[in-house]
Amino acid sequence: MRRLLLLRHAKTERPEPGERDRDRKLTERGQADAPIIAAYMAHHRLVPDLALVSPATRAEQTWALIATALRKSRVVMEPRLYNAAAETLIEVIAATADARTVLVVGHNPGIHDLAVQLIASGDVETRERIKEKLPTCGLVVLEFPFDDWSRLRPSSGRLERFVSPRLIGEATD
């Protein structure tokens, strides 16, 4: 059994004129949201063996805020994740050999497209919610019935859960 955690980076500032997209930083809301997801992940033992993180500043900052709540995970800043399409994300994950639980911190539309493509089963209402939108700091947890990431294919996973800081806030109100 393998588990994949797909996390869209937290809320970011709008680009300034002349600023590179990959240099955009988290907003105050993004800096507040990431620890909420981190606490949720730690509480529910959603701890990766390996974190694959886009080299964009917003993804690195999101990971830094999340990593503080989790036990030591191996981290790879993976250049291919920056604005990657779902197909590229599958290639990167499929090349991961030894990690049972992998976290990918990336960007839309690729991370959203990947989540939608991989889901074969799971709660229908939650699946429909994911199809509509993967918000910033949204976390999709998928489980796979195999022990080798090279077998990762579209429609091969079961949706285990989907959370976001907003959904967590609504559940605790």
Protein backbone atom coordinates (compact mmCIF):
# COMPACT_ATOMS: atom_id res chain seq x y z
CA MET A 1 0.00 0.00 0.00
CA ARG A 2 1.26 3.47 -0.92
CA ARG A 3 -0.08 6.85 0.14
CA LEU A 4 0.20 10.09 -1.84
CA LEU A 5 -0.38 13.50 -0.28
CA LEU A 6 -0.96 16.26 -2.83
CA LEU A 7 -0.72 19.77 -1.41
CA ARG A 8 -1.24 22.96 -3.32
CA HIS A 9 0.99 25.73 -1.95
CA ALA A 10 -0.59 28.27 0.41
CA LYS A 11 -2.07 31.64 -0.66
CA THR A 12 0.42 33.91 -2.42
CA GLU A 13 0.80 37.56 -3.23
CA ARG A 14 -0.05 38.86 -6.66
CA PRO A 15 2.98 39.29 -8.90
CA GLU A 16 4.61 42.70 -8.89
CA PRO A 17 5.52 44.24 -12.26
CA GLY A 18 8.75 42.64 -13.45
CA GLU A 19 8.74 40.00 -10.69
CA ARG A 20 9.34 36.40 -11.71
CA ASP A 21 6.38 34.12 -10.99
CA ARG A 22 8.57 31.63 -9.13
CA ASP A 23 9.64 34.38 -6.68
CA ARG A 24 6.14 35.15 -5.37
CA LYS A 25 5.86 34.82 -1.58
CA LEU A 26 3.08 33.75 0.76
CA THR A 27 0.57 36.30 1.98
CA GLU A 28 -0.32 36.66 5.67
CA ARG A 29 -3.26 34.33 5.04
CA GLY A 30 -0.95 31.78 3.43
CA GLN A 31 1.40 31.97 6.40
CA ALA A 32 -1.57 31.36 8.72
CA ASP A 33 -3.13 28.55 6.62
CA ALA A 34 -0.04 26.34 6.25
CA PRO A 35 0.31 25.67 10.02
CA ILE A 36 -3.39 24.70 10.14
CA ILE A 37 -2.79 22.02 7.51
CA ALA A 38 0.43 21.00 9.26
CA ALA A 39 -1.37 20.49 12.58
CA TYR A 40 -4.07 18.49 10.81
CA MET A 41 -1.47 16.32 9.09
CA ALA A 42 0.39 15.68 12.35
CA HIS A 43 -2.81 14.93 14.29
CA HIS A 44 -3.98 12.43 11.65
CA ARG A 45 -0.53 10.90 11.18
CA LEU A 46 -0.28 12.04 7.57
CA VAL A 47 3.48 12.19 7.75
CA PRO A 48 5.47 11.69 4.55
CA ASP A 49 8.60 9.61 4.26
CA LEU A 50 9.53 11.87 1.35
CA ALA A 51 8.47 15.40 0.48
CA LEU A 52 8.89 16.50 -3.13
CA VAL A 53 8.74 20.30 -3.20
CA SER A 54 8.65 22.72 -6.11
CA PRO A 55 11.54 25.21 -6.06
CA ALA A 56 9.14 28.17 -6.29
CA THR A 57 9.40 30.43 -3.25
CA ARG A 58 5.72 29.94 -2.34
CA ALA A 59 6.05 26.15 -2.34
CA GLU A 60 9.29 26.24 -0.34
CA GLN A 61 7.69 28.59 2.22
CA THR A 62 4.63 26.35 2.47
CA TRP A 63 6.85 23.32 3.09
CA ALA A 64 8.92 25.20 5.71
CA LEU A 65 5.75 26.02 7.66
CA ILE A 66 4.45 22.46 7.40
CA ALA A 67 7.73 20.71 8.17
CA THR A 68 7.88 22.20 11.65
CA ALA A 69 4.84 20.13 12.75
CA LEU A 70 5.95 16.84 11.21
CA ARG A 71 8.69 14.45 12.17
CA LYS A 72 11.79 14.57 10.07
CA SER A 73 10.91 13.77 6.46
CA ARG A 74 13.38 13.46 3.64
CA VAL A 75 12.99 16.48 1.35
CA VAL A 76 13.85 16.92 -2.31
CA MET A 77 13.49 20.31 -3.97
CA GLU A 78 12.44 19.02 -7.37
CA PRO A 79 12.81 21.50 -10.28
CA ARG A 80 10.47 19.47 -12.50
CA LEU A 81 7.55 20.24 -10.14
CA TYR A 82 7.47 23.96 -10.91
CA ASN A 83 4.22 24.49 -12.85
CA ALA A 84 4.35 20.86 -13.98
CA ALA A 85 1.56 19.13 -15.87
CA ALA A 86 -0.06 16.05 -14.34
CA GLU A 87 1.91 13.75 -16.65
CA THR A 88 5.23 15.17 -15.41
CA LEU A 89 4.10 14.84 -11.81
CA ILE A 90 3.28 11.17 -12.41
CA GLU A 91 6.76 10.62 -13.88
CA VAL A 92 8.45 12.25 -10.88
CA ILE A 93 6.39 10.28 -8.35
CA ALA A 94 6.74 7.00 -10.28
CA ALA A 95 10.53 7.32 -10.07
CA THR A 96 10.33 7.38 -6.27
CA ALA A 97 11.46 3.98 -5.07
CA ASP A 98 11.61 3.58 -1.31
CA ALA A 99 9.07 6.00 0.19
CA ARG A 100 5.72 4.55 1.24
CA THR A 101 4.12 7.96 1.83
CA VAL A 102 5.01 10.78 -0.54
CA LEU A 103 4.00 14.43 -0.23
CA VAL A 104 4.08 16.65 -3.32
CA VAL A 105 3.96 20.42 -2.71
CA GLY A 106 3.12 22.00 -6.03
CA HIS A 107 0.97 24.25 -8.14
CA ASN A 108 -2.31 24.40 -9.99
CA PRO A 109 -3.38 23.47 -12.54
CA GLY A 110 -1.02 20.45 -12.51
CA ILE A 111 -1.55 19.32 -8.92
CA HIS A 112 -5.33 19.65 -9.29
CA ASP A 113 -5.34 17.81 -12.62
CA LEU A 114 -3.22 15.05 -11.10
CA ALA A 115 -5.61 14.58 -8.17
CA VAL A 116 -8.61 14.34 -10.51
CA GLN A 117 -6.79 11.92 -12.85
CA LEU A 118 -5.61 9.57 -10.11
CA ILE A 119 -8.91 9.16 -8.26
CA ALA A 120 -10.74 5.95 -9.16
CA SER A 121 -12.85 5.56 -6.03
CA GLY A 122 -13.76 7.21 -2.74
CA ASP A 123 -16.57 9.33 -1.39
CA VAL A 124 -18.56 10.62 -4.39
CA GLU A 125 -19.43 14.01 -2.87
CA THR A 126 -15.81 14.68 -1.96
CA ARG A 127 -14.65 13.59 -5.42
CA GLU A 128 -17.06 16.09 -6.98
CA ARG A 129 -15.81 18.85 -4.67
CA ILE A 130 -12.22 18.16 -5.76
CA LYS A 131 -13.23 18.22 -9.44
CA GLU A 132 -14.59 21.73 -8.92
CA LYS A 133 -11.53 23.23 -7.26
CA LEU A 134 -8.34 22.57 -5.36
CA PRO A 135 -7.90 25.69 -3.21
CA THR A 136 -4.62 27.04 -1.93
CA CYS A 137 -3.30 24.87 0.89
CA GLY A 138 -5.77 22.15 -0.14
CA LEU A 139 -4.60 18.64 0.75
CA VAL A 140 -5.70 15.54 -1.18
CA VAL A 141 -4.82 12.15 0.32
CA LEU A 142 -4.85 9.14 -2.00
CA GLU A 143 -4.15 5.47 -1.29
CA PHE A 144 -2.92 2.95 -3.83
CA PRO A 145 -3.15 -0.87 -3.66
CA PHE A 146 0.44 -1.47 -4.78
CA ASP A 147 3.92 -1.31 -3.30
CA ASP A 148 5.81 0.19 -6.22
CA TRP A 149 5.36 3.80 -7.35
CA SER A 150 6.30 2.78 -10.91
CA ARG A 151 2.76 1.33 -11.13
CA LEU A 152 1.20 4.79 -10.67
CA ARG A 153 -1.38 5.39 -13.41
CA PRO A 154 -4.52 7.49 -13.89
CA SER A 155 -7.58 6.04 -12.11
CA SER A 156 -5.43 3.90 -9.82
CA GLY A 157 -6.08 5.53 -6.44
CA ARG A 158 -8.73 5.71 -3.77
CA LEU A 159 -9.53 9.13 -2.35
CA GLU A 160 -8.93 8.83 1.37
CA ARG A 161 -9.65 12.48 2.26
CA PHE A 162 -9.63 16.08 1.11
CA VAL A 163 -9.13 19.00 3.48
CA SER A 164 -8.32 22.68 3.36
CA PRO A 165 -7.88 25.29 6.07
CA ARG A 166 -11.39 26.54 5.34
CA LEU A 167 -12.94 23.05 5.63
CA ILE A 168 -11.05 22.47 8.89
CA GLY A 169 -12.33 25.81 10.21
CA GLU A 170 -15.93 24.97 9.27
CA ALA A 171 -15.65 21.57 11.00
CA THR A 172 -14.46 23.16 14.24
CA ASP A 173 -17.04 25.97 14.31
